[in-house]
C-alpha atoms as a PDB file:
ATOM      1  CA  UNK A   1     -32.897   4.425 -22.357  1.00  0.00           C
ATOM      2  CA  UNK A   2     -29.592   6.298 -22.186  1.00  0.00           C
ATOM      3  CA  UNK A   3     -26.213   4.826 -22.804  1.00  0.00           C
ATOM      4  CA  UNK A   4     -24.878   5.268 -19.177  1.00  0.00           C
ATOM      5  CA  UNK A   5     -27.943   3.345 -17.896  1.00  0.00           C
ATOM      6  CA  UNK A   6     -27.275   0.535 -20.265  1.00  0.00           C
ATOM      7  CA  UNK A   7     -23.571   0.297 -19.194  1.00  0.00           C
ATOM      8  CA  UNK A   8     -24.516   0.423 -15.497  1.00  0.00           C
ATOM      9  CA  UNK A   9     -27.027  -2.443 -16.140  1.00  0.00           C
ATOM     10  CA  UNK A  10     -24.357  -4.565 -17.820  1.00  0.00           C
ATOM     11  CA  UNK A  11     -21.948  -3.897 -14.962  1.00  0.00           C
ATOM     12  CA  UNK A  12     -24.612  -4.840 -12.339  1.00  0.00           C
ATOM     13  CA  UNK A  13     -25.249  -8.109 -14.204  1.00  0.00           C
ATOM     14  CA  UNK A  14     -21.576  -8.969 -13.949  1.00  0.00           C
ATOM     15  CA  UNK A  15     -21.420  -7.889 -10.275  1.00  0.00           C
ATOM     16  CA  UNK A  16     -24.906  -8.469  -8.757  1.00  0.00           C
ATOM     17  CA  UNK A  17     -23.801  -7.031  -5.361  1.00  0.00           C
ATOM     18  CA  UNK A  18     -23.269  -3.635  -6.863  1.00  0.00           C
ATOM     19  CA  UNK A  19     -26.431  -1.644  -5.944  1.00  0.00           C
ATOM     20  CA  UNK A  20     -27.388   0.963  -8.520  1.00  0.00           C
ATOM     21  CA  UNK A  21     -26.644   3.950  -6.290  1.00  0.00           C
ATOM     22  CA  UNK A  22     -23.372   2.587  -4.850  1.00  0.00           C
ATOM     23  CA  UNK A  23     -21.114   2.958  -7.880  1.00  0.00           C
ATOM     24  CA  UNK A  24     -20.418   5.286 -10.740  1.00  0.00           C
ATOM     25  CA  UNK A  25     -18.696   4.976 -14.039  1.00  0.00           C
ATOM     26  CA  UNK A  26     -15.501   6.909 -13.969  1.00  0.00           C
ATOM     27  CA  UNK A  27     -14.124   6.310 -17.574  1.00  0.00           C
ATOM     28  CA  UNK A  28     -14.976   4.840 -20.913  1.00  0.00           C
ATOM     29  CA  UNK A  29     -14.112   1.311 -21.644  1.00  0.00           C
ATOM     30  CA  UNK A  30     -10.600   0.708 -22.952  1.00  0.00           C
ATOM     31  CA  UNK A  31      -8.105  -2.161 -23.282  1.00  0.00           C
ATOM     32  CA  UNK A  32      -5.137   0.157 -22.928  1.00  0.00           C
ATOM     33  CA  UNK A  33      -4.607  -0.722 -19.247  1.00  0.00           C
ATOM     34  CA  UNK A  34      -6.005  -3.204 -16.777  1.00  0.00           C
ATOM     35  CA  UNK A  35      -6.879  -3.349 -13.049  1.00  0.00           C
ATOM     36  CA  UNK A  36      -3.406  -4.311 -11.985  1.00  0.00           C
ATOM     37  CA  UNK A  37      -1.866  -1.187 -13.596  1.00  0.00           C
ATOM     38  CA  UNK A  38      -4.760   0.972 -12.506  1.00  0.00           C
ATOM     39  CA  UNK A  39      -4.419  -0.082  -8.825  1.00  0.00           C
ATOM     40  CA  UNK A  40      -0.703   0.674  -9.157  1.00  0.00           C
ATOM     41  CA  UNK A  41      -1.685   4.143 -10.209  1.00  0.00           C
ATOM     42  CA  UNK A  42      -1.132   4.119 -14.002  1.00  0.00           C
ATOM     43  CA  UNK A  43      -3.278   4.049 -17.098  1.00  0.00           C
ATOM     44  CA  UNK A  44      -0.429   3.912 -19.617  1.00  0.00           C
ATOM     45  CA  UNK A  45      -0.365   0.078 -20.385  1.00  0.00           C
ATOM     46  CA  UNK A  46      -1.659  -3.314 -19.489  1.00  0.00           C
ATOM     47  CA  UNK A  47       0.337  -5.096 -16.765  1.00  0.00           C
ATOM     48  CA  UNK A  48       0.477  -8.825 -16.896  1.00  0.00           C
ATOM     49  CA  UNK A  49       3.338 -11.343 -16.194  1.00  0.00           C
ATOM     50  CA  UNK A  50       2.771 -13.113 -19.541  1.00  0.00           C
ATOM     51  CA  UNK A  51       4.460 -12.693 -22.941  1.00  0.00           C
ATOM     52  CA  UNK A  52       3.546  -9.540 -24.847  1.00  0.00           C
ATOM     53  CA  UNK A  53       2.626  -7.461 -21.748  1.00  0.00           C
ATOM     54  CA  UNK A  54       4.510  -5.068 -19.570  1.00  0.00           C
ATOM     55  CA  UNK A  55       5.683  -6.299 -16.171  1.00  0.00           C
ATOM     56  CA  UNK A  56       7.928  -4.400 -13.648  1.00  0.00           C
ATOM     57  CA  UNK A  57      11.646  -5.451 -13.497  1.00  0.00           C
ATOM     58  CA  UNK A  58      12.576  -7.782 -10.675  1.00  0.00           C
ATOM     59  CA  UNK A  59       9.108  -9.074 -10.017  1.00  0.00           C
ATOM     60  CA  UNK A  60       9.199 -12.948 -10.326  1.00  0.00           C
ATOM     61  CA  UNK A  61       6.575 -15.517  -9.590  1.00  0.00           C
ATOM     62  CA  UNK A  62       4.045 -17.751 -11.155  1.00  0.00           C
ATOM     63  CA  UNK A  63       1.979 -15.858 -13.652  1.00  0.00           C
ATOM     64  CA  UNK A  64      -1.353 -14.732 -12.201  1.00  0.00           C
ATOM     65  CA  UNK A  65      -0.813 -16.153  -8.756  1.00  0.00           C
ATOM     66  CA  UNK A  66      -1.959 -14.132  -5.784  1.00  0.00           C
ATOM     67  CA  UNK A  67       1.621 -14.354  -4.449  1.00  0.00           C
ATOM     68  CA  UNK A  68       2.873 -12.774  -7.636  1.00  0.00           C
ATOM     69  CA  UNK A  69       0.424  -9.871  -7.246  1.00  0.00           C
ATOM     70  CA  UNK A  70       1.651  -9.348  -3.699  1.00  0.00           C
ATOM     71  CA  UNK A  71       5.262  -9.372  -4.900  1.00  0.00           C
ATOM     72  CA  UNK A  72       4.343  -6.788  -7.568  1.00  0.00           C
ATOM     73  CA  UNK A  73       2.763  -4.354  -5.072  1.00  0.00           C
ATOM     74  CA  UNK A  74       5.565  -4.905  -2.620  1.00  0.00           C
ATOM     75  CA  UNK A  75       8.088  -3.924  -5.416  1.00  0.00           C
ATOM     76  CA  UNK A  76       6.076  -0.637  -5.558  1.00  0.00           C
ATOM     77  CA  UNK A  77       6.388  -0.032  -1.845  1.00  0.00           C
ATOM     78  CA  UNK A  78       3.168  -1.541  -0.568  1.00  0.00           C
ATOM     79  CA  UNK A  79       3.024  -3.745   2.530  1.00  0.00           C
ATOM     80  CA  UNK A  80       0.322  -6.289   3.448  1.00  0.00           C
ATOM     81  CA  UNK A  81      -2.090  -5.011   6.077  1.00  0.00           C
ATOM     82  CA  UNK A  82      -2.186  -7.517   8.902  1.00  0.00           C
ATOM     83  CA  UNK A  83      -4.999  -7.759   9.893  1.00  0.00           C
ATOM     84  CA  UNK A  84      -6.660  -6.789   6.609  1.00  0.00           C
ATOM     85  CA  UNK A  85      -8.101  -3.264   6.850  1.00  0.00           C
ATOM     86  CA  UNK A  86     -10.105  -1.634   4.087  1.00  0.00           C
ATOM     87  CA  UNK A  87     -10.790   1.525   6.023  1.00  0.00           C
ATOM     88  CA  UNK A  88      -9.343   4.822   4.878  1.00  0.00           C
ATOM     89  CA  UNK A  89      -6.071   5.641   6.665  1.00  0.00           C
ATOM     90  CA  UNK A  90      -4.788   9.224   6.452  1.00  0.00           C
ATOM     91  CA  UNK A  91      -1.469   9.333   4.660  1.00  0.00           C
ATOM     92  CA  UNK A  92      -1.734   5.933   2.944  1.00  0.00           C
ATOM     93  CA  UNK A  93      -2.792   4.641  -0.462  1.00  0.00           C
ATOM     94  CA  UNK A  94      -4.353   1.176  -0.336  1.00  0.00           C
ATOM     95  CA  UNK A  95      -4.835  -1.602  -2.858  1.00  0.00           C
ATOM     96  CA  UNK A  96      -6.975  -4.753  -2.588  1.00  0.00           C
ATOM     97  CA  UNK A  97      -6.093  -7.943  -4.354  1.00  0.00           C
ATOM     98  CA  UNK A  98      -8.907 -10.343  -5.287  1.00  0.00           C
ATOM     99  CA  UNK A  99      -8.487 -13.931  -6.211  1.00  0.00           C
ATOM    100  CA  UNK A 100      -9.809 -17.507  -6.507  1.00  0.00           C
ATOM    101  CA  UNK A 101      -8.325 -20.964  -6.695  1.00  0.00           C
ATOM    102  CA  UNK A 102      -6.661 -20.042 -10.051  1.00  0.00           C
ATOM    103  CA  UNK A 103      -4.885 -16.919  -8.851  1.00  0.00           C
ATOM    104  CA  UNK A 104      -5.387 -13.214  -8.726  1.00  0.00           C
ATOM    105  CA  UNK A 105      -8.422 -11.936 -10.585  1.00  0.00           C
ATOM    106  CA  UNK A 106      -8.589  -8.223  -9.808  1.00  0.00           C
ATOM    107  CA  UNK A 107      -7.009  -5.298  -7.953  1.00  0.00           C
ATOM    108  CA  UNK A 108      -8.753  -2.129  -6.743  1.00  0.00           C
ATOM    109  CA  UNK A 109      -7.218   1.116  -5.380  1.00  0.00           C
ATOM    110  CA  UNK A 110      -8.712   3.196  -2.585  1.00  0.00           C
ATOM    111  CA  UNK A 111      -9.377   6.812  -3.335  1.00  0.00           C
ATOM    112  CA  UNK A 112      -8.884   9.788  -1.041  1.00  0.00           C
ATOM    113  CA  UNK A 113     -12.612   9.845  -0.183  1.00  0.00           C
ATOM    114  CA  UNK A 114     -12.477   6.272   1.020  1.00  0.00           C
ATOM    115  CA  UNK A 115     -14.262   4.797  -2.032  1.00  0.00           C
ATOM    116  CA  UNK A 116     -12.599   2.239  -4.293  1.00  0.00           C
ATOM    117  CA  UNK A 117     -11.553   2.532  -7.928  1.00  0.00           C
ATOM    118  CA  UNK A 118     -11.636  -0.582 -10.138  1.00  0.00           C
ATOM    119  CA  UNK A 119     -10.837  -1.107 -13.770  1.00  0.00           C
ATOM    120  CA  UNK A 120     -13.073  -3.879 -14.934  1.00  0.00           C
ATOM    121  CA  UNK A 121     -10.848  -5.748 -17.424  1.00  0.00           C
ATOM    122  CA  UNK A 122     -11.207  -4.082 -20.791  1.00  0.00           C
ATOM    123  CA  UNK A 123     -14.378  -2.385 -19.688  1.00  0.00           C
ATOM    124  CA  UNK A 124     -14.855   0.855 -17.770  1.00  0.00           C
ATOM    125  CA  UNK A 125     -13.285   2.150 -14.596  1.00  0.00           C
ATOM    126  CA  UNK A 126     -15.776   2.445 -11.800  1.00  0.00           C
ATOM    127  CA  UNK A 127     -15.809   4.041  -8.286  1.00  0.00           C
ATOM    128  CA  UNK A 128     -17.586   1.937  -5.706  1.00  0.00           C
ATOM    129  CA  UNK A 129     -18.371   2.185  -1.992  1.00  0.00           C
ATOM    130  CA  UNK A 130     -17.342  -1.322  -0.838  1.00  0.00           C
ATOM    131  CA  UNK A 131     -14.823  -3.969  -1.877  1.00  0.00           C
ATOM    132  CA  UNK A 132     -17.411  -6.726  -1.163  1.00  0.00           C
ATOM    133  CA  UNK A 133     -19.537  -5.390  -3.955  1.00  0.00           C
ATOM    134  CA  UNK A 134     -17.118  -7.083  -6.449  1.00  0.00           C
ATOM    135  CA  UNK A 135     -16.806 -10.407  -4.683  1.00  0.00           C
ATOM    136  CA  UNK A 136     -18.420 -13.464  -6.125  1.00  0.00           C
ATOM    137  CA  UNK A 137     -18.150 -15.614  -9.222  1.00  0.00           C
ATOM    138  CA  UNK A 138     -16.233 -13.154 -11.381  1.00  0.00           C
ATOM    139  CA  UNK A 139     -13.512 -12.031  -9.010  1.00  0.00           C
ATOM    140  CA  UNK A 140     -13.659 -14.446  -6.100  1.00  0.00           C
ATOM    141  CA  UNK A 141     -12.792 -13.013  -2.738  1.00  0.00           C
ATOM    142  CA  UNK A 142     -10.554 -10.345  -1.261  1.00  0.00           C
ATOM    143  CA  UNK A 143      -7.232 -12.036  -0.611  1.00  0.00           C
ATOM    144  CA  UNK A 144      -5.078  -9.184   0.566  1.00  0.00           C
ATOM    145  CA  UNK A 145      -5.249  -5.486   1.340  1.00  0.00           C
ATOM    146  CA  UNK A 146      -1.978  -3.597   0.985  1.00  0.00           C
ATOM    147  CA  UNK A 147      -0.922  -0.065   1.798  1.00  0.00           C
ATOM    148  CA  UNK A 148       1.953   2.373   1.301  1.00  0.00           C
ATOM    149  CA  UNK A 149       2.797   5.888   2.389  1.00  0.00           C
ATOM    150  CA  UNK A 150       1.386   8.473   0.001  1.00  0.00           C
ATOM    151  CA  UNK A 151       4.764  10.250  -0.005  1.00  0.00           C
ATOM    152  CA  UNK A 152       6.537   7.265  -1.457  1.00  0.00           C
ATOM    153  CA  UNK A 153       7.384   7.768  -5.084  1.00  0.00           C
ATOM    154  CA  UNK A 154       5.850   5.469  -7.738  1.00  0.00           C
ATOM    155  CA  UNK A 155       7.933   3.522 -10.233  1.00  0.00           C
ATOM    156  CA  UNK A 156       7.093   2.071 -13.528  1.00  0.00           C
ATOM    157  CA  UNK A 157      10.318   0.487 -14.712  1.00  0.00           C
ATOM    158  CA  UNK A 158       9.937  -2.776 -16.544  1.00  0.00           C
ATOM    159  CA  UNK A 159       9.936  -4.552 -19.819  1.00  0.00           C
ATOM    160  CA  UNK A 160       7.632  -6.370 -22.061  1.00  0.00           C
ATOM    161  CA  UNK A 161       7.581  -9.991 -21.061  1.00  0.00           C
ATOM    162  CA  UNK A 162       8.856 -12.318 -23.802  1.00  0.00           C
END
């Protein structure tokens, strides 16, 4: 059995809704960055509002709350889609925030082809067809979908949280 098949099997066990042909591994596993950073468009460092991790300047809130994740992406120029809309929209970048009763659990970024990119904790990045494929016990449910104009510049100014 090849290594890629073993990795895909492990990922499907974590996310049973992911069908074998509906996702692909896009990177090797790494703990250099997480889903919050990846959805924001960077793979330079782990973003988390807790001591020892990077967090953008001016973003307050309760550590790991869904509201804090919304504030983070708003600080990067995203707005909440109302009503929620996961469909590809020309000229926009979208992120989806997942959460459960404890707070945010995951964020995914929509790709130009309409698929979604997810960094699975310290595991691999994957590309998947559908946001619902990651809902369930590990990540809870989709709480918000946000979008911003593709022409809007990104920013990554912040500090290590102490």
